[in-house]
Amino acid sequence: MTDVRAFRALRYDPVRVDLDRVVVPPYDVIAPDERAVYWDRDPHNAIRLELTRDAADEAATDYREVAQTLAAWQEEGALLRDARPALYALRQRFRAPDGSEHVRDGFFALLHLEDYERRIVRPHERTLSGPKADRLKLLRATGANLSSVFLLYEDPQRALNEMLAARLDAGPAAVARDAAGVEHRLVPVADAHAIGAVRGFLADRPVVIADGHHRYETALAYRDERRAAAGGGAGDAPFDFTLAYFANAYAPGTLLLPIHRVVREAPAPDDAGWAARLPGWSQQRVTLPGGDAVPAALERHLAPLADRHAFAADDGSGVLRVFSRPRAPGDDLSIRVLHAEVLRGVFGLDDAAVRDGAVAFPKHAPEAAREVRGGRGSVALYLNPLAAEDVFRVTAAGEILPQKS
C-alpha cells in the first residue's frame, strides 16, 4: 500500500550552523508575535524558509525571496546535499504535560502521493482553503518540501523500532535542542537492508495523517499541476512524492493526547440546565482550590472514565463538573458525542459555528483553565484522549473526526 523511498536530503552543515538556533516549530503553530523572535535568533533560522517576517505580508507574497534564500544558503554551504540516498531516523526526547519524560523514535522518508480515495494515505479531519493556497505558493516558488507531513502507522509488535533504535544509538547524529526543550537526534540510514525492511513493512499497510493535512493536500495539488503541464500521467517524478515523518502509533513515545475545547461566548448553564440538556449523563462535582489544580483533578476523576463517554466542564467558578454515561454497543466515539450532545445540544453550536471561532482548542488543560479564568471563554471542556485503535478504525471506514481531535 504505502510506497516510501530513500532520498538525498538537503541539511544544515553543523560546522557552519548552530542547530539549536535554527530549529523552529511547524509554521502553523508559530504565533505572529513569535516570528520576529525566531527571525532574529539566527540568520539561518528555518523560519526564513517557511514564513515571511510579518504575518501581514503573507497574502501579497509569492515567496520568491524564500527561493532566493534557499539557493543562497546552498551556495554558501550552510545547506549541504547528502551524497547517498537515505531514510532519516529521528529520536525526540521530551516531557509530556504531566512532567514525565518520553522518547519517540521515528523516521523521515519520501512518500508517494496517493489520492484519499485509494485509502492508502488516510485523513482524519477536513481542511481550510486559505492555508493550502498559501503553501501552494511556497511550493511553486521553491520546488522543495520545507516541512513534513506527520504520519502514523500500525506496528503493535514494534517490528521497526528495534532497527531504528540501533541506528539512532550508533550514530553519527546531528543533535539539536529546540526552544521547548525537546532534544532531536537525527541519523541517516543509508544501508540497503534497513531501507528494504522499512519499505517492505509499510508496503502492506496504510498510514494516517496525524498532522499536516494542509501540507499533504497542497502536495497533491502541486502534483496535479505539474502532471497537467507535463501532459498527464502518473509515475515517479519528484512531484509525485512529498516529505513525510513516520511514527508507530503503538510505540511508547507516541502519545495521543487530548485537545480540549473552550466555548468562547455561549453562557455555561447552571446545575439545572446541565441536567435538563444532558439526560442520561451522571454528574460529579469536584471542588478546585484554583486553576492550577485542574490537571490533578482530571487525572483523578476524568481519566478513570476512559471506558465511558466522559468530559469535565470548568466555568471558572471553582467547581469542576465531571459528566459521564455508559457506552452502548456500536456507540460513536466520545469526541463526536461531545460535539453532538454538548457543543450542539447544550450550547447550540453547530459545526459551522465551531469552524467560525465559537470554540477554541487548547492543547493543555492549564491553558484551557487560563482562558476561562482570564475572561476569554465561558467554559472549558476537558476530554480524555482517543485510542490509536479508534483513529485507525474511523479512518479505515473513510470517516472524518471533528477538527482538532
Protein backbone atom coordinates (compact mmCIF):
# COMPACT_ATOMS: atom_id res chain seq x y z
CA MET A 1 0.00 0.00 0.00
CA THR A 2 2.30 2.76 1.29
CA ASP A 3 5.25 3.48 -1.01
CA VAL A 4 8.23 5.13 0.71
CA ARG A 5 11.66 5.92 -0.71
CA ALA A 6 15.07 6.95 0.48
CA PHE A 7 16.26 10.37 -0.68
CA ARG A 8 19.24 12.72 -0.64
CA ALA A 9 18.26 15.31 1.94
CA LEU A 10 19.34 18.92 1.99
CA ARG A 11 20.59 19.51 5.54
CA TYR A 12 22.30 22.15 7.64
CA ASP A 13 26.08 21.86 7.94
CA PRO A 14 26.56 21.74 11.74
CA VAL A 15 30.10 23.11 11.32
CA ARG A 16 28.67 26.35 9.92
CA VAL A 17 25.30 26.45 11.68
CA ASP A 18 24.34 26.10 15.36
CA LEU A 19 21.41 23.69 15.08
CA ASP A 20 19.90 24.77 18.40
CA ARG A 21 19.43 28.27 17.00
CA VAL A 22 17.78 27.35 13.70
CA VAL A 23 15.17 24.74 14.63
CA VAL A 24 11.58 26.04 14.78
CA PRO A 25 8.12 24.55 15.33
CA PRO A 26 5.85 23.82 12.34
CA TYR A 27 4.85 27.01 10.58
CA ASP A 28 1.18 26.78 11.55
CA VAL A 29 1.75 26.86 15.31
CA ILE A 30 4.09 29.88 15.31
CA ALA A 31 2.23 32.85 16.77
CA PRO A 32 2.51 36.21 14.94
CA ASP A 33 4.48 37.76 17.82
CA GLU A 34 6.98 34.85 17.72
CA ARG A 35 8.03 35.41 14.12
CA ALA A 36 10.44 38.26 14.82
CA VAL A 37 11.98 36.33 17.73
CA TYR A 38 12.83 33.35 15.54
CA TRP A 39 13.78 35.58 12.61
CA ASP A 40 16.34 37.47 14.69
CA ARG A 41 17.70 34.44 16.52
CA ASP A 42 19.99 33.39 13.66
CA PRO A 43 20.48 34.46 10.01
CA HIS A 44 19.93 30.81 9.00
CA ASN A 45 16.86 30.20 11.16
CA ALA A 46 14.45 27.84 9.38
CA ILE A 47 11.56 30.28 9.76
CA ARG A 48 13.06 32.17 6.83
CA LEU A 49 12.18 29.18 4.62
CA GLU A 50 8.62 28.90 5.95
CA LEU A 51 7.13 32.31 6.66
CA THR A 52 7.57 35.98 6.00
CA ARG A 53 8.78 38.10 8.91
CA ASP A 54 5.39 39.83 9.22
CA ALA A 55 2.13 37.89 9.00
CA ALA A 56 0.55 40.86 7.23
CA ASP A 57 2.90 40.27 4.27
CA GLU A 58 1.72 36.71 3.66
CA ALA A 59 -1.25 37.41 1.42
CA ALA A 60 0.79 39.51 -1.00
CA THR A 61 3.98 37.46 -1.15
CA ASP A 62 4.84 34.98 -3.89
CA TYR A 63 7.74 33.57 -1.83
CA ARG A 64 10.40 34.38 -4.43
CA GLU A 65 12.51 35.66 -1.54
CA VAL A 66 12.35 32.22 0.10
CA ALA A 67 13.56 30.61 -3.14
CA GLN A 68 16.46 33.07 -3.25
CA THR A 69 17.31 32.36 0.39
CA LEU A 70 17.26 28.61 -0.22
CA ALA A 71 19.61 28.98 -3.17
CA ALA A 72 21.94 31.34 -1.27
CA TRP A 73 22.27 29.02 1.72
CA GLN A 74 23.26 26.17 -0.59
CA GLU A 75 25.77 28.34 -2.42
CA GLU A 76 27.46 29.46 0.80
CA GLY A 77 27.49 25.92 2.21
CA ALA A 78 25.06 26.41 5.10
CA LEU A 79 22.91 23.72 3.47
CA LEU A 80 24.53 20.59 2.02
CA ARG A 81 23.06 17.81 -0.12
CA ASP A 82 23.77 14.33 1.26
CA ALA A 83 25.84 12.16 -1.08
CA ARG A 84 23.77 8.97 -0.67
CA PRO A 85 20.02 8.38 -0.55
CA ALA A 86 18.88 7.55 2.97
CA LEU A 87 15.99 7.38 5.36
CA TYR A 88 16.49 9.65 8.35
CA ALA A 89 15.84 8.22 11.80
CA LEU A 90 14.75 10.81 14.37
CA ARG A 91 14.72 10.40 18.13
CA GLN A 92 12.90 13.04 20.14
CA ARG A 93 13.30 13.22 23.91
CA PHE A 94 10.62 15.36 25.53
CA ARG A 95 8.43 15.94 28.56
CA ALA A 96 4.68 15.37 28.48
CA PRO A 97 2.32 17.93 30.04
CA ASP A 98 2.36 15.90 33.29
CA GLY A 99 6.15 16.26 33.50
CA SER A 100 7.02 12.66 32.62
CA GLU A 101 9.90 12.11 30.18
CA HIS A 102 9.35 10.22 26.92
CA VAL A 103 11.35 9.15 23.87
CA ARG A 104 9.84 8.75 20.41
CA ASP A 105 11.74 7.11 17.55
CA GLY A 106 10.52 7.66 14.01
CA PHE A 107 11.93 8.38 10.57
CA PHE A 108 11.70 10.66 7.55
CA ALA A 109 11.21 9.30 4.03
CA LEU A 110 9.73 10.30 0.72
CA LEU A 111 6.07 9.30 0.49
CA HIS A 112 4.47 8.53 -2.84
CA LEU A 113 1.41 10.78 -3.07
CA GLU A 114 -1.91 8.95 -3.19
CA ASP A 115 -5.40 10.37 -3.57
CA TYR A 116 -7.54 9.86 -0.49
CA GLU A 117 -9.99 7.70 -2.45
CA ARG A 118 -7.41 4.92 -2.62
CA ARG A 119 -7.48 4.62 1.22
CA ILE A 120 -3.68 4.32 1.39
CA VAL A 121 -2.99 7.72 2.93
CA ARG A 122 -5.95 8.45 5.19
CA PRO A 123 -7.02 11.85 6.55
CA HIS A 124 -8.78 12.31 9.86
CA GLU A 125 -10.06 15.89 9.50
CA ARG A 126 -11.23 18.41 6.92
CA THR A 127 -9.05 21.30 5.80
CA LEU A 128 -9.47 25.00 5.03
CA SER A 129 -8.70 26.56 1.67
CA GLY A 130 -6.65 29.54 2.93
CA PRO A 131 -3.63 27.66 4.33
CA LYS A 132 -3.48 25.40 1.25
CA ALA A 133 -3.39 28.37 -1.13
CA ASP A 134 -0.53 29.91 0.87
CA ARG A 135 1.51 26.68 1.00
CA LEU A 136 0.95 26.11 -2.73
CA LYS A 137 2.55 29.49 -3.48
CA LEU A 138 5.56 28.46 -1.40
CA LEU A 139 5.86 25.08 -3.13
CA ARG A 140 5.61 26.65 -6.57
CA ALA A 141 8.31 29.19 -5.71
CA THR A 142 10.82 26.76 -4.20
CA GLY A 143 10.08 23.34 -5.68
CA ALA A 144 11.03 21.96 -2.26
CA ASN A 145 9.30 20.28 0.67
CA LEU A 146 10.36 22.57 3.50
CA SER A 147 8.32 20.87 6.24
CA SER A 148 6.96 17.37 6.54
CA VAL A 149 3.63 15.65 6.87
CA PHE A 150 3.34 13.67 10.14
CA LEU A 151 2.03 10.12 9.62
CA LEU A 152 1.10 7.28 11.97
CA TYR A 153 1.42 3.61 11.06
CA GLU A 154 0.26 0.47 12.89
CA ASP A 155 3.01 -1.67 14.38
CA PRO A 156 1.82 -3.11 17.72
CA GLN A 157 4.71 -5.62 17.71
CA ARG A 158 7.20 -2.75 17.10
CA ALA A 159 8.85 -4.56 14.22
CA LEU A 160 10.71 -1.45 13.04
CA ASN A 161 11.50 0.15 16.39
CA GLU A 162 14.44 -2.11 17.27
CA MET A 163 16.14 -1.38 13.94
CA LEU A 164 15.54 2.38 14.32
CA ALA A 165 16.84 2.37 17.89
CA ALA A 166 20.02 0.53 16.85
CA ARG A 167 20.76 3.08 14.12
CA LEU A 168 20.00 6.01 16.41
CA ASP A 169 22.24 4.64 19.15
CA ALA A 170 25.10 4.05 16.72
CA GLY A 171 25.07 7.48 15.04
CA PRO A 172 26.78 9.62 13.91
CA ALA A 173 23.99 12.05 14.69
CA ALA A 174 23.02 15.66 14.23
CA VAL A 175 21.63 16.85 17.58
CA ALA A 176 19.59 19.93 18.38
CA ARG A 177 17.57 21.15 21.35
CA ASP A 178 14.66 23.42 20.50
CA ALA A 179 13.11 26.32 22.40
CA ALA A 180 10.59 23.98 24.07
CA GLY A 181 13.41 21.84 25.49
CA VAL A 182 12.89 18.91 23.11
CA GLU A 183 16.09 17.10 22.10
CA HIS A 184 16.19 15.97 18.45
CA ARG A 185 18.72 13.34 17.31
CA LEU A 186 18.84 12.71 13.55
CA VAL A 187 20.79 9.83 11.94
CA PRO A 188 20.88 8.96 8.21
CA VAL A 189 20.07 5.31 7.50
CA ALA A 190 21.63 4.51 4.13
CA ASP A 191 22.18 0.73 4.21
CA ALA A 192 20.05 -1.17 1.73
CA HIS A 193 18.93 -3.84 4.22
CA ALA A 194 17.35 -1.32 6.61
CA ILE A 195 15.76 0.68 3.80
CA GLY A 196 14.34 -2.51 2.30
CA ALA A 197 12.94 -3.59 5.68
CA VAL A 198 11.10 -0.28 6.11
CA ARG A 199 9.77 -0.27 2.57
CA GLY A 200 8.62 -3.88 2.79
CA PHE A 201 6.89 -3.34 6.13
CA LEU A 202 4.93 -0.27 5.03
CA ALA A 203 4.08 -1.70 1.62
CA ASP A 204 1.41 -3.83 3.34
CA ARG A 205 -0.07 -1.05 5.45
CA PRO A 206 -1.93 2.24 5.12
CA VAL A 207 -0.92 5.36 7.05
CA VAL A 208 -2.99 8.03 8.79
CA ILE A 209 -2.20 11.74 8.71
CA ALA A 210 -1.73 12.84 12.31
CA ASP A 211 -0.70 16.39 11.37
CA GLY A 212 -0.16 18.18 8.07
CA HIS A 213 -3.40 17.70 6.16
CA HIS A 214 -2.91 21.11 4.52
CA ARG A 215 0.65 20.24 3.51
CA TYR A 216 -0.39 16.88 2.08
CA GLU A 217 -3.29 18.29 0.08
CA THR A 218 -1.05 21.10 -1.15
CA ALA A 219 1.42 18.48 -2.40
CA LEU A 220 -1.44 16.72 -4.21
CA ALA A 221 -2.48 19.99 -5.88
CA TYR A 222 1.12 20.71 -6.91
CA ARG A 223 1.49 17.19 -8.29
CA ASP A 224 -1.66 17.60 -10.37
CA GLU A 225 -0.45 20.96 -11.71
CA ARG A 226 2.88 19.50 -12.74
CA ARG A 227 1.29 16.44 -14.30
CA ALA A 228 -1.03 18.63 -16.33
CA ALA A 229 1.89 20.77 -17.51
CA ALA A 230 3.77 17.61 -18.50
CA GLY A 231 0.84 16.22 -20.41
CA GLY A 232 -0.64 13.98 -17.71
CA GLY A 233 0.31 10.55 -16.46
CA ALA A 234 1.35 9.13 -13.12
CA GLY A 235 4.80 7.97 -12.14
CA ASP A 236 7.93 8.55 -10.14
CA ALA A 237 8.68 12.20 -10.88
CA PRO A 238 9.87 14.27 -7.89
CA PHE A 239 6.47 15.97 -7.70
CA ASP A 240 4.82 12.56 -7.20
CA PHE A 241 6.36 12.46 -3.69
CA THR A 242 6.34 14.54 -0.54
CA LEU A 243 8.49 14.63 2.59
CA ALA A 244 6.92 12.72 5.48
CA TYR A 245 7.74 11.73 9.04
CA PHE A 246 6.53 8.31 10.20
CA ALA A 247 5.83 7.24 13.79
CA ASN A 248 4.50 3.96 15.15
CA ALA A 249 1.16 4.71 16.80
CA TYR A 250 1.81 1.91 19.32
CA ALA A 251 5.34 2.85 20.38
CA PRO A 252 5.80 4.13 23.95
CA GLY A 253 6.72 7.68 22.98
CA THR A 254 3.82 8.20 20.58
CA LEU A 255 1.37 9.95 22.88
CA LEU A 256 -2.15 10.58 21.65
CA LEU A 257 -3.11 13.42 23.96
CA PRO A 258 -6.49 15.18 24.10
CA ILE A 259 -7.05 18.62 22.64
CA HIS A 260 -9.58 20.37 24.84
CA ARG A 261 -12.37 22.79 23.94
CA VAL A 262 -13.10 26.27 25.28
CA VAL A 263 -16.54 27.71 24.50
CA ARG A 264 -15.91 31.36 23.80
CA GLU A 265 -19.16 33.22 24.45
CA ALA A 266 -22.16 30.89 24.80
CA PRO A 267 -23.03 31.00 28.53
CA ALA A 268 -22.47 27.97 30.72
CA PRO A 269 -25.69 26.51 32.13
CA ASP A 270 -26.42 26.19 35.85
CA ASP A 271 -26.88 22.81 37.52
CA ALA A 272 -30.50 22.53 36.40
CA GLY A 273 -29.55 23.50 32.85
CA TRP A 274 -26.85 20.84 32.63
CA ALA A 275 -29.22 18.18 33.94
CA ALA A 276 -32.01 19.17 31.56
CA ARG A 277 -29.79 19.26 28.47
CA LEU A 278 -27.82 16.08 29.20
CA PRO A 279 -30.39 13.42 30.09
CA GLY A 280 -28.81 10.08 30.87
CA TRP A 281 -25.49 11.59 31.95
CA SER A 282 -24.29 11.34 35.56
CA GLN A 283 -22.55 14.30 37.17
CA GLN A 284 -19.84 14.52 39.82
CA ARG A 285 -18.89 17.86 41.35
CA VAL A 286 -15.24 18.39 42.32
CA THR A 287 -14.09 21.47 44.25
CA LEU A 288 -10.99 23.12 42.78
CA PRO A 289 -8.71 25.19 45.01
CA GLY A 290 -7.50 27.00 41.86
CA GLY A 291 -7.00 26.69 38.11
CA ASP A 292 -3.61 25.08 38.67
CA ALA A 293 -5.38 22.13 40.32
CA VAL A 294 -7.19 21.16 37.12
CA PRO A 295 -4.64 18.58 35.78
CA ALA A 296 -4.57 16.66 39.06
CA ALA A 297 -8.37 16.70 39.27
CA LEU A 298 -8.67 15.39 35.71
CA GLU A 299 -6.19 12.61 36.41
CA ARG A 300 -8.14 11.59 39.50
CA HIS A 301 -11.72 11.97 38.28
CA LEU A 302 -11.82 12.01 34.43
CA ALA A 303 -9.04 9.64 33.34
CA PRO A 304 -10.61 6.60 35.11
CA LEU A 305 -13.74 7.07 32.94
CA ALA A 306 -11.96 6.10 29.69
CA ASP A 307 -14.38 3.20 29.17
CA ARG A 308 -17.37 5.60 29.22
CA HIS A 309 -18.35 8.74 27.31
CA ALA A 310 -16.97 11.41 29.61
CA PHE A 311 -15.86 15.03 29.82
CA ALA A 312 -15.31 17.65 32.51
CA ALA A 313 -16.71 21.19 32.44
CA ASP A 314 -14.94 24.12 34.12
CA ASP A 315 -16.65 27.52 34.17
CA GLY A 316 -14.04 29.13 36.43
CA SER A 317 -16.33 29.06 39.48
CA GLY A 318 -14.08 26.70 41.43
CA VAL A 319 -16.25 23.67 40.73
CA LEU A 320 -15.29 21.04 38.14
CA ARG A 321 -18.29 19.11 36.84
CA VAL A 322 -17.38 15.63 35.57
CA PHE A 323 -20.03 14.09 33.31
CA SER A 324 -20.23 10.53 32.02
CA ARG A 325 -22.59 7.96 30.59
CA PRO A 326 -22.16 4.33 29.54
CA ARG A 327 -21.10 3.39 26.03
CA ALA A 328 -23.67 1.32 24.19
CA PRO A 329 -22.62 -1.35 21.66
CA GLY A 330 -21.86 0.36 18.36
CA ASP A 331 -21.71 3.79 20.01
CA ASP A 332 -19.90 6.65 18.32
CA LEU A 333 -16.53 7.97 19.53
CA SER A 334 -16.64 10.19 22.61
CA ILE A 335 -15.20 13.14 20.68
CA ARG A 336 -18.12 13.05 18.27
CA VAL A 337 -20.59 12.51 21.10
CA LEU A 338 -19.19 15.64 22.77
CA HIS A 339 -19.65 17.70 19.62
CA ALA A 340 -23.20 16.40 19.08
CA GLU A 341 -24.59 16.30 22.61
CA VAL A 342 -22.57 19.02 24.35
CA LEU A 343 -21.37 21.65 21.89
CA ARG A 344 -24.56 21.40 19.83
CA GLY A 345 -27.05 20.09 22.40
CA VAL A 346 -26.01 22.17 25.41
CA PHE A 347 -24.51 25.28 23.80
CA GLY A 348 -26.30 25.36 20.44
CA LEU A 349 -23.04 25.42 18.46
CA ASP A 350 -23.18 23.55 15.15
CA ASP A 351 -20.17 22.61 13.02
CA ALA A 352 -20.23 25.93 11.17
CA ALA A 353 -20.14 27.90 14.42
CA VAL A 354 -17.24 25.80 15.68
CA ARG A 355 -15.30 26.38 12.46
CA ASP A 356 -16.04 30.11 12.64
CA GLY A 357 -14.34 30.52 16.00
CA ALA A 358 -17.04 29.92 18.63
CA VAL A 359 -14.74 27.29 20.15
CA ALA A 360 -11.00 27.40 20.89
CA PHE A 361 -8.78 24.31 21.03
CA PRO A 362 -6.13 24.47 23.78
CA LYS A 363 -3.74 21.54 23.75
CA HIS A 364 -3.19 21.51 27.51
CA ALA A 365 -5.63 21.67 30.41
CA PRO A 366 -3.83 24.52 32.25
CA GLU A 367 -4.04 26.61 29.07
CA ALA A 368 -7.79 25.96 28.85
CA ALA A 369 -8.21 26.86 32.52
CA ARG A 370 -6.36 30.16 31.98
CA GLU A 371 -8.60 31.01 29.03
CA VAL A 372 -11.72 30.75 31.19
CA ARG A 373 -10.24 32.48 34.22
CA GLY A 374 -8.88 35.24 32.00
CA GLY A 375 -12.33 36.00 30.57
CA ARG A 376 -11.54 34.58 27.12
CA GLY A 377 -14.13 31.82 27.40
CA SER A 378 -17.25 30.88 29.31
CA VAL A 379 -16.42 27.23 29.95
CA ALA A 380 -13.60 24.77 29.31
CA LEU A 381 -14.49 21.23 28.26
CA TYR A 382 -11.75 18.73 29.14
CA LEU A 383 -11.54 15.40 27.28
CA ASN A 384 -9.87 12.03 27.59
CA PRO A 385 -7.58 11.07 24.67
CA LEU A 386 -8.52 8.94 21.69
CA ALA A 387 -7.06 5.46 21.49
CA ALA A 388 -4.89 4.54 18.50
CA GLU A 389 -7.35 1.78 17.63
CA ASP A 390 -10.14 4.37 17.34
CA VAL A 391 -8.11 6.53 14.95
CA PHE A 392 -7.33 3.65 12.59
CA ARG A 393 -10.85 2.21 12.77
CA VAL A 394 -12.54 5.51 11.90
CA THR A 395 -10.15 6.47 9.13
CA ALA A 396 -10.33 2.95 7.65
CA ALA A 397 -14.07 3.47 7.26
CA GLY A 398 -13.46 6.73 5.40
CA GLU A 399 -14.91 8.81 8.22
CA ILE A 400 -13.76 12.22 9.44
CA LEU A 401 -13.23 13.23 13.05
CA PRO A 402 -14.15 16.67 14.40
CA GLN A 403 -11.33 19.17 13.95
CA LYS A 404 -8.54 19.06 16.49
CA SER A 405 -9.33 15.59 17.76
